Amino acid sequence: MTKLPIMSVSGIRGIVGESIDSLFISRIAYIQTKRSNGGKVVVGRDTRISGEELMNAAFRGIRAAGGIPVDAGIAPTPTTCVCTNAVEASTGIILTASHNPGMYNGYKMVHRSGRLFRGYECEEIYEAFRSSEYASDDKILNSSDSPTERIDASKIHISKILKHINIETIKSANIKIAVDSINGAGGAVFPDLLEKLGVKWIGVHNKLNGDFVHNPEPRPEHLGDLCKLLKETPDLWGGFVFDPDADRLATMGENGEEISEEMTLVFALENLLQRTKSDIVTNLSTSMLIDDVARKYGVNVIRSKIGEANVVEEMEKYDCQFGGEGNGGVIFPKIASARDGLGAMALILELMASTGKKLTQHASMWPRYSIVKDKIPCDGKDPAQIINRLNTVFASENKNNLDGLKIIRDYGWVHLRASNTEPIIRCYAEAKTWQQARELADLVLKEVEK
């Protein structure tokens, strides 16, 4: 490899053959297994072409460390998390680069409880790697690349979802939807889940071949094929879209109407808060819509740093039953202590079934804020230095510096921070009108360009 991948609280991301290869994966798997005291290690992957090779590499690293590799096969991130806890494994590994393009792959680490590793736990593994605390290349390469056992990961995850959903309510509603899983790991679970819920479906891009035919981020502007299908097919209740590892879910109106991915968490909370009152944890970049939901149900919103591990940590700290991120990530720990697109789909289907309302009707019940999501390449630049300078420039503003720089005004906000997964700076802005959101984003972007 010519350089190391990005290693952060969100796991490891890199371009295969450039910053991630089989030996790197074996070494990280060896360290993680050793530090988890061996035992069973569940390994799941998304559908990327490089996935099988890197999974075999993980098996070698686990075996070299004296662990027992358990093959979950092609499995969404939340599925692997659920299975790690269900089979009483010592830890879990997910080979995925989530929403990154197909040339990327990555590595996420799962705690025995089923949550992802927290920031400090990730850093311990990274520091051990930097200190070369792994076996010799000969020991790794001479270890078997086959698993000790295989599990039906989909069955385990679906069983957990069904325990917390009113199946009969959904079955009686006679729902039909459209689905786009971008030929990713969601396709290994959602068909069986929908069958058990009595939901009919049609779809686009639902093979398990890793052919990411559109931008993997599940945003309306990337979903032309699903939009066309919805417009051409009568009597659908809406569209559902996964990212490649199905930890994120977006929705689309039954006639192809755009629905922001920020609405996924709103829909899920609308269902959950009717059952149980609980404060909500979400991150600094999530929409003001969550504050609207909280006001409706008389609960509080707690904001965390970006990264689902940070959200889960705050949920545990404040004993919150519900949380998530505005990128389409819903966290409902009774099902999974991670962002869970499959669980979110079931919760939204239950909401629609219980109300008899389709997705556009539910979306129309909430304010329509405008949100701008920009990214700036920062190769060769220090994001921390840029953000520190902007703190001085905007010294008089109402700010939050928990994670980067967030400027808050009475009509909206803008948040600038270094990405956890790509060599970019992310700039999100939200306001009551598109012009206000664009002006807030441009306010800081012009300073970044300097």
Protein backbone atom coordinates (compact mmCIF):
# COMPACT_ATOMS: atom_id res chain seq x y z
CA MET A 1 0.00 0.00 0.00
CA THR A 2 1.18 3.50 -0.75
CA LYS A 3 -0.59 5.11 2.22
CA LEU A 4 -2.78 4.30 5.21
CA PRO A 5 -6.59 4.57 5.14
CA ILE A 6 -8.67 7.00 7.17
CA MET A 7 -9.06 5.62 10.70
CA SER A 8 -11.68 7.33 12.88
CA VAL A 9 -14.60 6.81 15.23
CA SER A 10 -16.55 5.69 12.13
CA GLY A 11 -14.11 2.87 11.46
CA ILE A 12 -11.60 2.47 8.64
CA ARG A 13 -12.10 3.63 5.04
CA GLY A 14 -9.76 3.48 2.10
CA ILE A 15 -9.33 2.71 -1.59
CA VAL A 16 -8.63 -0.98 -2.16
CA GLY A 17 -5.09 -1.58 -3.39
CA GLU A 18 -4.09 1.96 -2.50
CA SER A 19 -4.75 2.35 1.22
CA ILE A 20 -6.44 -0.97 2.10
CA ASP A 21 -5.34 -4.48 1.15
CA SER A 22 -5.68 -8.05 2.46
CA LEU A 23 -2.62 -7.94 4.69
CA PHE A 24 -3.80 -4.73 6.35
CA ILE A 25 -7.20 -6.32 7.09
CA SER A 26 -5.54 -9.46 8.50
CA ARG A 27 -3.36 -7.38 10.81
CA ILE A 28 -6.28 -5.32 12.15
CA ALA A 29 -8.39 -8.48 12.60
CA TYR A 30 -5.50 -10.11 14.48
CA ILE A 31 -5.17 -7.15 16.88
CA GLN A 32 -8.93 -6.90 17.44
CA THR A 33 -9.21 -10.64 18.14
CA LYS A 34 -6.26 -10.65 20.55
CA ARG A 35 -7.59 -7.65 22.46
CA SER A 36 -11.03 -9.29 22.66
CA ASN A 37 -9.44 -12.42 24.21
CA GLY A 38 -10.16 -14.67 21.25
CA GLY A 39 -13.39 -16.64 21.12
CA LYS A 40 -15.97 -16.25 18.39
CA VAL A 41 -15.58 -13.33 15.99
CA VAL A 42 -18.55 -12.67 13.69
CA VAL A 43 -17.62 -11.30 10.25
CA GLY A 44 -20.12 -9.77 7.82
CA ARG A 45 -19.60 -7.79 4.63
CA ASP A 46 -21.41 -5.69 2.07
CA THR A 47 -21.52 -6.62 -1.61
CA ARG A 48 -18.42 -4.82 -2.88
CA ILE A 49 -16.32 -6.76 -5.36
CA SER A 50 -13.37 -6.65 -2.96
CA GLY A 51 -15.48 -7.97 -0.08
CA GLU A 52 -14.85 -11.69 -0.43
CA GLU A 53 -11.07 -11.29 -0.63
CA LEU A 54 -11.01 -9.01 2.43
CA MET A 55 -13.32 -11.34 4.35
CA ASN A 56 -10.89 -14.22 3.77
CA ALA A 57 -8.12 -11.94 5.00
CA ALA A 58 -10.10 -11.23 8.17
CA PHE A 59 -10.52 -14.96 8.74
CA ARG A 60 -6.75 -15.43 8.49
CA GLY A 61 -6.11 -12.67 11.02
CA ILE A 62 -8.68 -14.11 13.44
CA ARG A 63 -7.25 -17.62 13.21
CA ALA A 64 -3.68 -16.37 13.60
CA ALA A 65 -4.78 -14.72 16.85
CA GLY A 66 -6.39 -17.93 18.12
CA GLY A 67 -9.97 -16.79 17.49
CA ILE A 68 -12.93 -18.61 15.97
CA PRO A 69 -14.15 -16.93 12.76
CA VAL A 70 -17.94 -16.99 12.27
CA ASP A 71 -19.17 -16.18 8.76
CA ALA A 72 -22.28 -13.99 8.58
CA GLY A 73 -21.86 -13.70 4.80
CA ILE A 74 -23.31 -10.71 2.98
CA ALA A 75 -24.97 -8.88 5.83
CA PRO A 76 -25.93 -5.27 6.56
CA THR A 77 -23.99 -3.49 9.28
CA PRO A 78 -26.89 -3.65 11.79
CA THR A 79 -27.37 -7.36 11.01
CA THR A 80 -23.76 -8.13 11.93
CA CYS A 81 -24.14 -6.05 15.09
CA VAL A 82 -27.27 -7.95 16.15
CA CYS A 83 -25.63 -11.31 15.38
CA THR A 84 -22.46 -10.52 17.36
CA ASN A 85 -24.55 -10.21 20.50
CA ALA A 86 -26.96 -13.02 19.61
CA VAL A 87 -24.26 -15.71 19.21
CA GLU A 88 -22.34 -14.43 22.25
CA ALA A 89 -19.25 -13.59 20.21
CA SER A 90 -16.35 -11.75 21.79
CA THR A 91 -16.39 -9.16 19.00
CA GLY A 92 -17.50 -8.58 15.40
CA ILE A 93 -16.07 -7.26 12.15
CA ILE A 94 -17.94 -5.56 9.31
CA LEU A 95 -16.21 -5.13 5.95
CA THR A 96 -17.90 -2.16 4.39
CA ALA A 97 -17.27 1.37 3.21
CA SER A 98 -20.93 2.26 3.75
CA HIS A 99 -21.88 5.13 1.41
CA ASN A 100 -18.44 5.48 -0.21
CA PRO A 101 -18.06 4.60 -3.93
CA GLY A 102 -17.26 1.06 -5.06
CA MET A 103 -13.46 1.41 -5.22
CA TYR A 104 -13.47 1.91 -1.44
CA ASN A 105 -13.79 -0.66 1.29
CA GLY A 106 -13.53 -0.44 5.04
CA TYR A 107 -13.65 -2.06 8.43
CA LYS A 108 -15.98 -1.50 11.38
CA MET A 109 -15.53 -3.09 14.80
CA VAL A 110 -18.41 -4.44 16.87
CA HIS A 111 -18.47 -4.69 20.67
CA ARG A 112 -19.72 -7.95 22.19
CA SER A 113 -22.90 -6.09 23.24
CA GLY A 114 -23.79 -5.42 19.59
CA ARG A 115 -22.84 -1.74 19.42
CA LEU A 116 -20.00 -0.38 17.33
CA PHE A 117 -16.67 0.41 18.99
CA ARG A 118 -16.52 3.84 20.57
CA GLY A 119 -13.89 6.39 19.62
CA TYR A 120 -11.40 5.45 22.34
CA GLU A 121 -11.86 1.73 21.62
CA CYS A 122 -11.15 2.31 17.93
CA GLU A 123 -8.09 4.38 18.82
CA GLU A 124 -6.69 1.58 20.98
CA ILE A 125 -6.79 -0.74 17.96
CA TYR A 126 -5.26 1.90 15.69
CA GLU A 127 -2.47 2.62 18.15
CA ALA A 128 -1.72 -1.11 18.45
CA PHE A 129 -1.52 -1.26 14.65
CA ARG A 130 0.83 1.71 14.54
CA SER A 131 2.95 -0.09 17.16
CA SER A 132 3.01 -3.23 14.95
CA GLU A 133 1.26 -5.41 17.54
CA TYR A 134 0.36 -8.05 14.98
CA ALA A 135 1.70 -11.45 13.94
CA SER A 136 4.40 -11.99 11.34
CA ASP A 137 3.36 -12.06 7.71
CA ASP A 138 4.28 -15.77 7.55
CA LYS A 139 2.00 -16.64 10.46
CA ILE A 140 -0.89 -14.70 8.97
CA LEU A 141 -0.46 -15.99 5.44
CA ASN A 142 -0.12 -19.59 6.63
CA SER A 143 -3.38 -19.38 8.60
CA SER A 144 -6.58 -20.75 7.10
CA ASP A 145 -8.83 -18.27 5.31
CA SER A 146 -12.01 -20.29 5.93
CA PRO A 147 -14.56 -19.75 8.73
CA THR A 148 -15.14 -22.22 11.53
CA GLU A 149 -18.91 -21.87 11.22
CA ARG A 150 -21.58 -20.02 9.25
CA ILE A 151 -24.76 -18.43 10.56
CA ASP A 152 -28.04 -17.32 8.99
CA ALA A 153 -27.56 -13.67 9.87
CA SER A 154 -30.70 -12.47 8.09
CA LYS A 155 -32.92 -14.81 10.11
CA ILE A 156 -31.42 -13.62 13.41
CA HIS A 157 -31.92 -9.92 12.59
CA ILE A 158 -35.45 -10.35 11.23
CA SER A 159 -36.47 -12.30 14.32
CA LYS A 160 -35.29 -9.40 16.51
CA ILE A 161 -37.21 -6.85 14.42
CA LEU A 162 -40.45 -8.84 14.49
CA LYS A 163 -40.43 -8.94 18.29
CA HIS A 164 -40.88 -5.16 18.38
CA ILE A 165 -43.33 -4.63 15.52
CA ASN A 166 -47.09 -5.26 15.31
CA ILE A 167 -47.02 -7.75 12.47
CA GLU A 168 -50.80 -8.15 12.17
CA THR A 169 -51.35 -4.40 11.88
CA ILE A 170 -48.97 -4.26 8.91
CA LYS A 171 -50.38 -7.39 7.27
CA SER A 172 -53.94 -6.07 7.45
CA ALA A 173 -53.03 -2.78 5.73
CA ASN A 174 -52.28 -4.42 2.34
CA ILE A 175 -49.22 -2.24 1.72
CA LYS A 176 -47.17 -2.30 -1.48
CA ILE A 177 -43.90 -0.38 -1.81
CA ALA A 178 -40.90 0.12 -4.11
CA VAL A 179 -37.35 -0.61 -2.94
CA ASP A 180 -33.85 0.34 -4.15
CA SER A 181 -30.99 -1.32 -2.22
CA ILE A 182 -28.32 -0.19 -4.75
CA ASN A 183 -27.33 -3.86 -5.20
CA GLY A 184 -25.98 -3.74 -1.66
CA ALA A 185 -26.29 -5.78 1.51
CA GLY A 186 -29.85 -4.67 2.27
CA GLY A 187 -30.97 -7.08 -0.46
CA ALA A 188 -29.86 -9.99 1.73
CA VAL A 189 -32.50 -9.15 4.36
CA PHE A 190 -35.36 -6.92 3.25
CA PRO A 191 -37.18 -9.40 0.92
CA ASP A 192 -37.63 -11.95 3.72
CA LEU A 193 -38.53 -9.20 6.18
CA LEU A 194 -41.25 -7.83 3.89
CA GLU A 195 -42.59 -11.31 3.22
CA LYS A 196 -43.02 -11.92 6.96
CA LEU A 197 -44.74 -8.55 7.31
CA GLY A 198 -47.11 -9.27 4.43
CA VAL A 199 -45.84 -6.30 2.42
CA LYS A 200 -45.71 -6.59 -1.37
CA TRP A 201 -42.87 -4.89 -3.19
CA ILE A 202 -41.31 -4.11 -6.53
CA GLY A 203 -37.93 -2.52 -7.03
CA VAL A 204 -34.79 -1.53 -8.86
CA HIS A 205 -31.14 -2.45 -8.19
CA ASN A 206 -31.74 -5.26 -5.71
CA LYS A 207 -29.11 -7.80 -6.75
CA LEU A 208 -26.26 -8.78 -4.42
CA ASN A 209 -23.53 -7.98 -6.95
CA GLY A 210 -22.07 -4.71 -5.63
CA ASP A 211 -22.86 -2.81 -8.82
CA PHE A 212 -23.53 0.64 -7.38
CA VAL A 213 -25.43 2.02 -10.35
CA HIS A 214 -25.92 5.45 -8.81
CA ASN A 215 -24.23 7.52 -6.12
CA PRO A 216 -24.42 5.34 -2.96
CA GLU A 217 -25.62 8.17 -0.71
CA PRO A 218 -29.43 7.70 -0.49
CA ARG A 219 -30.43 11.24 -1.42
CA PRO A 220 -33.33 12.22 -3.72
CA GLU A 221 -31.04 13.57 -6.46
CA HIS A 222 -29.47 10.10 -6.87
CA LEU A 223 -32.70 8.13 -7.16
CA GLY A 224 -33.98 8.71 -10.68
CA ASP A 225 -34.75 5.05 -11.41
CA LEU A 226 -36.81 4.63 -8.26
CA CYS A 227 -38.62 7.89 -8.93
CA LYS A 228 -39.54 6.68 -12.43
CA LEU A 229 -40.80 3.36 -11.06
CA LEU A 230 -42.99 5.09 -8.48
CA LYS A 231 -44.46 7.46 -11.08
CA GLU A 232 -45.29 4.59 -13.43
CA THR A 233 -46.77 2.20 -10.85
CA PRO A 234 -50.19 2.89 -9.29
CA ASP A 235 -51.28 2.05 -5.75
CA LEU A 236 -47.86 2.14 -4.08
CA TRP A 237 -47.47 3.58 -0.58
CA GLY A 238 -43.95 4.95 -1.13
CA GLY A 239 -40.35 4.11 -1.90
CA PHE A 240 -37.57 2.89 0.40
CA VAL A 241 -33.85 3.26 -0.31
CA PHE A 242 -30.82 1.73 1.42
CA ASP A 243 -27.16 2.64 1.26
CA PRO A 244 -24.71 -0.23 0.50
CA ASP A 245 -24.52 -1.57 4.08
CA ALA A 246 -28.17 -0.75 4.92
CA ASP A 247 -27.45 1.16 8.09
CA ARG A 248 -29.15 4.14 6.45
CA LEU A 249 -32.62 4.35 4.95
CA ALA A 250 -34.21 7.08 2.86
CA THR A 251 -37.77 7.34 1.59
CA MET A 252 -39.57 8.68 -1.48
CA GLY A 253 -43.19 9.65 -2.00
CA GLU A 254 -45.62 7.22 -3.61
CA ASN A 255 -45.68 9.28 -6.82
CA GLY A 256 -41.93 9.87 -6.90
CA GLU A 257 -41.97 12.97 -4.70
CA GLU A 258 -38.68 13.89 -3.08
CA ILE A 259 -38.47 13.27 0.66
CA SER A 260 -35.31 14.32 2.47
CA GLU A 261 -33.34 11.57 4.20
CA GLU A 262 -33.73 13.75 7.30
CA MET A 263 -37.36 12.57 7.42
CA THR A 264 -36.46 8.93 8.10
CA LEU A 265 -35.69 9.58 11.76
CA VAL A 266 -38.78 11.81 12.04
CA PHE A 267 -41.06 9.00 10.76
CA ALA A 268 -39.50 6.43 13.10
CA LEU A 269 -39.75 8.74 16.11
CA GLU A 270 -43.37 9.53 15.28
CA ASN A 271 -44.07 5.82 15.77
CA LEU A 272 -41.82 5.22 18.77
CA LEU A 273 -42.75 8.29 20.82
CA GLN A 274 -46.42 7.35 20.60
CA ARG A 275 -45.47 4.14 22.42
CA THR A 276 -43.00 5.50 24.97
CA LYS A 277 -41.85 8.97 26.01
CA SER A 278 -38.06 9.27 25.96
CA ASP A 279 -35.54 12.00 25.32
CA ILE A 280 -33.80 11.76 21.93
CA VAL A 281 -30.11 11.81 21.04
CA THR A 282 -29.02 13.00 17.62
CA ASN A 283 -25.93 14.66 16.19
CA LEU A 284 -25.09 18.30 15.56
CA SER A 285 -25.78 18.08 11.82
CA THR A 286 -29.28 16.62 12.09
CA SER A 287 -32.28 18.71 11.07
CA MET A 288 -34.26 21.06 13.30
CA LEU A 289 -37.18 18.74 12.53
CA ILE A 290 -36.07 16.59 15.46
CA ASP A 291 -36.63 19.57 17.76
CA ASP A 292 -40.15 19.86 16.30
CA VAL A 293 -40.81 16.17 17.00
CA ALA A 294 -39.50 16.54 20.55
CA ARG A 295 -41.74 19.55 21.21
CA LYS A 296 -44.80 17.66 19.97
CA TYR A 297 -44.18 14.83 22.43
CA GLY A 298 -42.80 16.89 25.31
CA VAL A 299 -39.29 15.40 25.33
CA ASN A 300 -35.77 16.82 25.02
CA VAL A 301 -33.13 16.62 22.30
CA ILE A 302 -29.51 15.93 23.23
CA ARG A 303 -26.94 16.71 20.52
CA SER A 304 -23.76 14.64 20.13
CA LYS A 305 -20.64 14.70 18.00
CA ILE A 306 -20.96 13.17 14.53
CA GLY A 307 -20.65 9.38 14.32
CA GLU A 308 -23.21 6.83 15.43
CA ALA A 309 -20.86 5.53 18.14
CA ASN A 310 -21.03 8.99 19.70
CA VAL A 311 -24.83 9.00 19.47
CA VAL A 312 -25.08 5.56 21.12
CA GLU A 313 -22.68 6.61 23.88
CA GLU A 314 -24.85 9.63 24.71
CA MET A 315 -27.99 7.50 24.57
CA GLU A 316 -26.52 5.21 27.22
CA LYS A 317 -25.24 8.13 29.28
CA TYR A 318 -28.66 9.82 29.43
CA ASP A 319 -30.73 6.62 29.36
CA CYS A 320 -32.46 7.54 26.09
CA GLN A 321 -34.41 4.83 24.28
CA PHE A 322 -34.33 6.47 20.86
CA GLY A 323 -31.70 8.18 18.74
CA GLY A 324 -30.25 8.50 15.29
CA GLU A 325 -28.74 10.73 12.65
CA GLY A 326 -30.25 12.89 9.94
CA ASN A 327 -28.52 10.91 7.19
CA GLY A 328 -31.29 8.29 7.45
CA GLY A 329 -29.88 6.46 10.46
CA VAL A 330 -32.36 5.26 13.13
CA ILE A 331 -31.08 3.76 16.39
CA PHE A 332 -33.62 1.74 18.41
CA PRO A 333 -31.56 -0.38 20.83
CA LYS A 334 -34.35 -2.87 21.51
CA ILE A 335 -33.61 -4.08 17.98
CA ALA A 336 -30.05 -2.91 17.31
CA SER A 337 -27.60 -0.61 19.09
CA ALA A 338 -26.51 0.75 15.72
CA ARG A 339 -28.10 2.63 12.84
CA ASP A 340 -30.53 0.13 11.36
CA GLY A 341 -32.16 0.65 7.97
CA LEU A 342 -34.13 -2.61 8.19
CA GLY A 343 -35.55 -1.82 11.62
CA ALA A 344 -36.36 1.70 10.41
CA MET A 345 -38.24 0.28 7.42
CA ALA A 346 -40.37 -1.89 9.71
CA LEU A 347 -41.10 1.03 12.07
CA ILE A 348 -42.20 3.25 9.18
CA LEU A 349 -44.36 0.50 7.67
CA GLU A 350 -46.03 0.07 11.06
CA LEU A 351 -46.63 3.84 11.25
CA MET A 352 -48.25 3.87 7.79
CA ALA A 353 -50.31 0.76 8.54
CA SER A 354 -51.62 2.10 11.84
CA THR A 355 -52.63 5.46 10.35
CA GLY A 356 -53.61 4.40 6.83
CA LYS A 357 -51.47 7.26 5.50
CA LYS A 358 -48.89 6.98 2.73
CA LEU A 359 -45.42 8.54 2.91
CA THR A 360 -46.24 11.91 1.34
CA GLN A 361 -49.10 12.39 3.81
CA HIS A 362 -46.77 11.77 6.73
CA ALA A 363 -44.11 14.07 5.27
CA SER A 364 -46.65 16.87 4.76
CA MET A 365 -47.41 16.96 8.50
CA TRP A 366 -44.02 18.53 9.29
CA PRO A 367 -42.34 21.85 8.43
CA ARG A 368 -40.33 21.84 5.22
CA TYR A 369 -36.90 23.27 5.99
CA SER A 370 -34.23 23.70 3.36
CA ILE A 371 -30.91 21.99 3.90
CA VAL A 372 -27.67 22.40 1.93
CA LYS A 373 -25.03 19.67 2.09
CA ASP A 374 -21.67 20.61 0.57
CA LYS A 375 -18.23 19.02 0.73
CA ILE A 376 -14.79 20.53 0.16
CA PRO A 377 -11.72 18.43 -0.74
CA CYS A 378 -8.99 18.95 1.85
CA ASP A 379 -6.05 16.89 0.61
CA GLY A 380 -2.92 18.59 1.90
CA LYS A 381 -4.91 20.90 4.18
CA ASP A 382 -5.40 20.69 7.95
CA PRO A 383 -9.15 20.86 8.68
CA ALA A 384 -8.52 21.69 12.35
CA GLN A 385 -6.40 24.69 11.36
CA ILE A 386 -9.12 25.93 8.99
CA ILE A 387 -11.85 25.55 11.62
CA ASN A 388 -9.73 27.26 14.29
CA ARG A 389 -9.26 30.25 12.01
CA LEU A 390 -13.00 30.40 11.31
CA ASN A 391 -13.69 30.40 15.04
CA THR A 392 -11.77 33.65 15.20
CA VAL A 393 -13.51 35.10 12.14
CA PHE A 394 -16.94 34.32 13.60
CA ALA A 395 -16.08 35.11 17.22
CA SER A 396 -19.27 37.13 17.75
CA GLU A 397 -21.68 34.42 16.55
CA ASN A 398 -23.68 31.99 18.71
CA LYS A 399 -21.51 28.87 18.26
CA ASN A 400 -21.17 25.24 19.26
CA ASN A 401 -17.65 23.76 19.03
CA LEU A 402 -18.42 20.22 20.19
CA ASP A 403 -17.53 18.91 16.73
CA GLY A 404 -15.98 21.44 14.39
CA LEU A 405 -17.82 24.76 14.11
CA LYS A 406 -21.59 25.18 14.24
CA ILE A 407 -23.03 28.69 13.94
CA ILE A 408 -26.61 28.93 15.21
CA ARG A 409 -29.06 31.68 14.32
CA ASP A 410 -32.76 32.01 15.12
CA TYR A 411 -33.77 30.96 11.60
CA GLY A 412 -31.19 28.22 10.96
CA TRP A 413 -27.62 26.97 11.38
CA VAL A 414 -24.46 26.01 9.52
CA HIS A 415 -22.04 23.26 10.60
CA LEU A 416 -18.49 22.82 9.32
CA ARG A 417 -16.38 19.78 10.27
CA ALA A 418 -13.83 17.31 9.00
CA SER A 419 -15.35 14.09 7.63
CA ASN A 420 -14.77 10.86 9.57
CA THR A 421 -14.74 8.79 6.38
CA GLU A 422 -13.32 10.83 3.49
CA PRO A 423 -10.54 13.43 3.00
CA ILE A 424 -13.08 16.24 2.86
CA ILE A 425 -14.60 18.98 4.99
CA ARG A 426 -18.38 18.75 5.24
CA CYS A 427 -20.53 21.86 5.34
CA TYR A 428 -24.21 21.46 6.23
CA ALA A 429 -26.61 24.37 6.54
CA GLU A 430 -30.34 24.42 7.29
CA ALA A 431 -32.85 27.26 7.43
CA LYS A 432 -36.49 28.11 6.90
CA THR A 433 -35.84 28.97 3.22
CA TRP A 434 -33.40 27.68 0.64
CA GLN A 435 -31.92 31.14 0.17
CA GLN A 436 -31.20 31.45 3.89
CA ALA A 437 -29.57 28.00 3.98
CA ARG A 438 -27.45 28.79 0.92
CA GLU A 439 -26.35 32.11 2.43
CA LEU A 440 -25.34 30.42 5.69
CA ALA A 441 -23.30 27.82 3.81
CA ASP A 442 -21.66 30.43 1.61
CA LEU A 443 -20.87 32.54 4.67
CA VAL A 444 -18.39 29.92 5.92
CA LEU A 445 -17.38 28.44 2.56
CA LYS A 446 -16.00 31.80 1.39
CA GLU A 447 -13.78 31.88 4.45
CA VAL A 448 -12.64 28.26 3.88
CA GLU A 449 -11.59 29.17 0.32
CA LYS A 450 -9.26 31.84 1.71
